[in-house]
């Protein structure tokens, strides 16, 4: 498993938590930051998956 996949998953989880907290407290900015973090994590995870595929 590529380090990008691990880091991407961590960012995705962190973003999901941030988004949930923002939703809970009614902070739209925090929600948006969380969604952005989730997206960034998904992209990084995908890049890591592609790197894994190339290595095989």
N, C-alpha and C. Protein backbone atom coordinates (compact mmCIF):
# COMPACT_ATOMS: atom_id res chain seq x y z
N UNK A 1 0.85 -1.17 0.00
CA UNK A 1 0.00 0.00 0.00
C UNK A 1 0.89 1.24 0.00
N UNK A 2 0.59 2.14 -0.89
CA UNK A 2 1.37 3.35 -1.07
C UNK A 2 1.12 4.34 0.07
N UNK A 3 2.14 5.11 0.42
CA UNK A 3 1.99 6.09 1.50
C UNK A 3 0.93 7.14 1.16
N UNK A 4 0.74 7.42 -0.14
CA UNK A 4 -0.31 8.37 -0.54
C UNK A 4 -1.70 7.85 -0.19
N UNK A 5 -1.89 6.55 -0.29
CA UNK A 5 -3.20 5.97 0.06
C UNK A 5 -3.47 6.14 1.54
N UNK A 6 -2.46 5.90 2.36
CA UNK A 6 -2.62 6.02 3.81
C UNK A 6 -2.87 7.48 4.19
N UNK A 7 -2.07 8.38 3.65
CA UNK A 7 -2.23 9.81 3.95
C UNK A 7 -3.57 10.31 3.43
N UNK A 8 -3.97 9.84 2.26
CA UNK A 8 -5.24 10.26 1.69
C UNK A 8 -6.41 9.82 2.54
N UNK A 9 -6.35 8.59 3.02
CA UNK A 9 -7.42 8.08 3.88
C UNK A 9 -7.50 8.88 5.17
N UNK A 10 -6.33 9.21 5.73
CA UNK A 10 -6.30 10.01 6.96
C UNK A 10 -6.93 11.39 6.73
N UNK A 11 -6.61 12.02 5.59
CA UNK A 11 -7.19 13.34 5.28
C UNK A 11 -8.70 13.23 5.08
N UNK A 12 -9.11 12.14 4.44
CA UNK A 12 -10.54 11.94 4.19
C UNK A 12 -11.30 11.79 5.51
N UNK A 13 -10.75 11.03 6.43
CA UNK A 13 -11.39 10.84 7.73
C UNK A 13 -11.41 12.15 8.50
N UNK A 14 -10.29 12.86 8.51
CA UNK A 14 -10.20 14.15 9.21
C UNK A 14 -11.22 15.13 8.63
N UNK A 15 -11.35 15.15 7.31
CA UNK A 15 -12.32 16.03 6.67
C UNK A 15 -13.75 15.67 7.03
N UNK A 16 -14.04 14.37 7.10
CA UNK A 16 -15.39 13.93 7.46
C UNK A 16 -15.74 14.35 8.88
N UNK A 17 -14.77 14.22 9.78
CA UNK A 17 -15.00 14.62 11.17
C UNK A 17 -15.22 16.13 11.25
N UNK A 18 -14.39 16.88 10.55
CA UNK A 18 -14.49 18.34 10.55
C UNK A 18 -15.85 18.78 9.99
N UNK A 19 -16.28 18.12 8.91
CA UNK A 19 -17.57 18.45 8.32
C UNK A 19 -18.71 18.14 9.29
N UNK A 20 -18.63 17.01 9.97
CA UNK A 20 -19.68 16.63 10.92
C UNK A 20 -19.74 17.60 12.09
N UNK A 21 -18.58 18.01 12.59
CA UNK A 21 -18.55 18.97 13.70
C UNK A 21 -19.13 20.30 13.24
N UNK A 22 -18.77 20.72 12.05
CA UNK A 22 -19.31 21.97 11.51
C UNK A 22 -20.82 21.92 11.37
N UNK A 23 -21.32 20.78 10.93
CA UNK A 23 -22.76 20.61 10.80
C UNK A 23 -23.43 20.64 12.17
N UNK A 24 -22.80 19.98 13.13
CA UNK A 24 -23.34 19.90 14.48
C UNK A 24 -23.45 21.27 15.15
N UNK A 25 -22.42 22.10 14.97
CA UNK A 25 -22.41 23.41 15.62
C UNK A 25 -22.96 24.51 14.72
N UNK A 26 -23.32 24.16 13.49
CA UNK A 26 -23.89 25.16 12.59
C UNK A 26 -22.87 26.10 11.98
N UNK A 27 -21.65 25.63 11.80
CA UNK A 27 -20.58 26.45 11.24
C UNK A 27 -20.36 26.06 9.78
N UNK A 28 -20.89 26.87 8.87
CA UNK A 28 -20.81 26.56 7.44
C UNK A 28 -19.37 26.55 6.94
N UNK A 29 -18.53 27.42 7.48
CA UNK A 29 -17.12 27.47 7.05
C UNK A 29 -16.40 26.17 7.42
N UNK A 30 -16.65 25.69 8.62
CA UNK A 30 -16.04 24.44 9.07
C UNK A 30 -16.53 23.27 8.23
N UNK A 31 -17.80 23.27 7.88
CA UNK A 31 -18.36 22.23 7.01
C UNK A 31 -17.66 22.25 5.65
N UNK A 32 -17.49 23.44 5.10
CA UNK A 32 -16.85 23.57 3.79
C UNK A 32 -15.40 23.10 3.84
N UNK A 33 -14.70 23.45 4.91
CA UNK A 33 -13.32 23.00 5.07
C UNK A 33 -13.26 21.48 5.16
N UNK A 34 -14.23 20.90 5.86
CA UNK A 34 -14.29 19.45 5.98
C UNK A 34 -14.54 18.78 4.64
N UNK A 35 -15.46 19.33 3.86
CA UNK A 35 -15.73 18.77 2.53
C UNK A 35 -14.49 18.87 1.64
N UNK A 36 -13.80 20.00 1.74
CA UNK A 36 -12.58 20.17 0.95
C UNK A 36 -11.51 19.16 1.37
N UNK A 37 -11.39 18.93 2.66
CA UNK A 37 -10.43 17.95 3.16
C UNK A 37 -10.76 16.54 2.70
N UNK A 38 -12.05 16.21 2.70
CA UNK A 38 -12.47 14.89 2.22
C UNK A 38 -12.12 14.72 0.75
N UNK A 39 -12.37 15.75 -0.03
CA UNK A 39 -12.08 15.69 -1.47
C UNK A 39 -10.57 15.55 -1.70
N UNK A 40 -9.80 16.33 -0.97
CA UNK A 40 -8.34 16.25 -1.09
C UNK A 40 -7.85 14.84 -0.73
N UNK A 41 -8.42 14.28 0.31
CA UNK A 41 -8.04 12.93 0.71
C UNK A 41 -8.40 11.89 -0.33
N UNK A 42 -9.58 12.02 -0.93
CA UNK A 42 -9.99 11.08 -1.98
C UNK A 42 -9.04 11.14 -3.17
N UNK A 43 -8.67 12.36 -3.55
CA UNK A 43 -7.75 12.52 -4.68
C UNK A 43 -6.41 11.88 -4.36
N UNK A 44 -5.88 12.15 -3.18
CA UNK A 44 -4.58 11.59 -2.80
C UNK A 44 -4.66 10.07 -2.72
N UNK A 45 -5.77 9.55 -2.21
CA UNK A 45 -5.96 8.10 -2.13
C UNK A 45 -5.99 7.50 -3.53
N UNK A 46 -6.65 8.16 -4.46
CA UNK A 46 -6.72 7.68 -5.84
C UNK A 46 -5.33 7.67 -6.48
N UNK A 47 -4.57 8.73 -6.25
CA UNK A 47 -3.20 8.79 -6.78
C UNK A 47 -2.38 7.63 -6.23
N UNK A 48 -2.52 7.36 -4.95
CA UNK A 48 -1.80 6.23 -4.35
C UNK A 48 -2.22 4.91 -4.97
N UNK A 49 -3.51 4.75 -5.25
CA UNK A 49 -3.99 3.54 -5.89
C UNK A 49 -3.41 3.37 -7.28
N UNK A 50 -3.32 4.47 -8.01
CA UNK A 50 -2.72 4.41 -9.34
C UNK A 50 -1.24 4.03 -9.27
N UNK A 51 -0.54 4.58 -8.29
CA UNK A 51 0.87 4.23 -8.11
C UNK A 51 1.01 2.74 -7.80
N UNK A 52 0.11 2.21 -6.96
CA UNK A 52 0.13 0.78 -6.65
C UNK A 52 -0.10 -0.04 -7.90
N UNK A 53 -1.03 0.39 -8.74
CA UNK A 53 -1.34 -0.34 -9.97
C UNK A 53 -0.16 -0.36 -10.93
N UNK A 54 0.55 0.76 -11.01
CA UNK A 54 1.69 0.86 -11.91
C UNK A 54 2.81 -0.07 -11.44
N UNK A 55 2.98 -0.20 -10.15
CA UNK A 55 4.05 -1.04 -9.60
C UNK A 55 3.81 -2.53 -9.87
N UNK A 56 2.56 -2.92 -10.03
CA UNK A 56 2.23 -4.35 -10.21
C UNK A 56 2.48 -4.81 -11.57
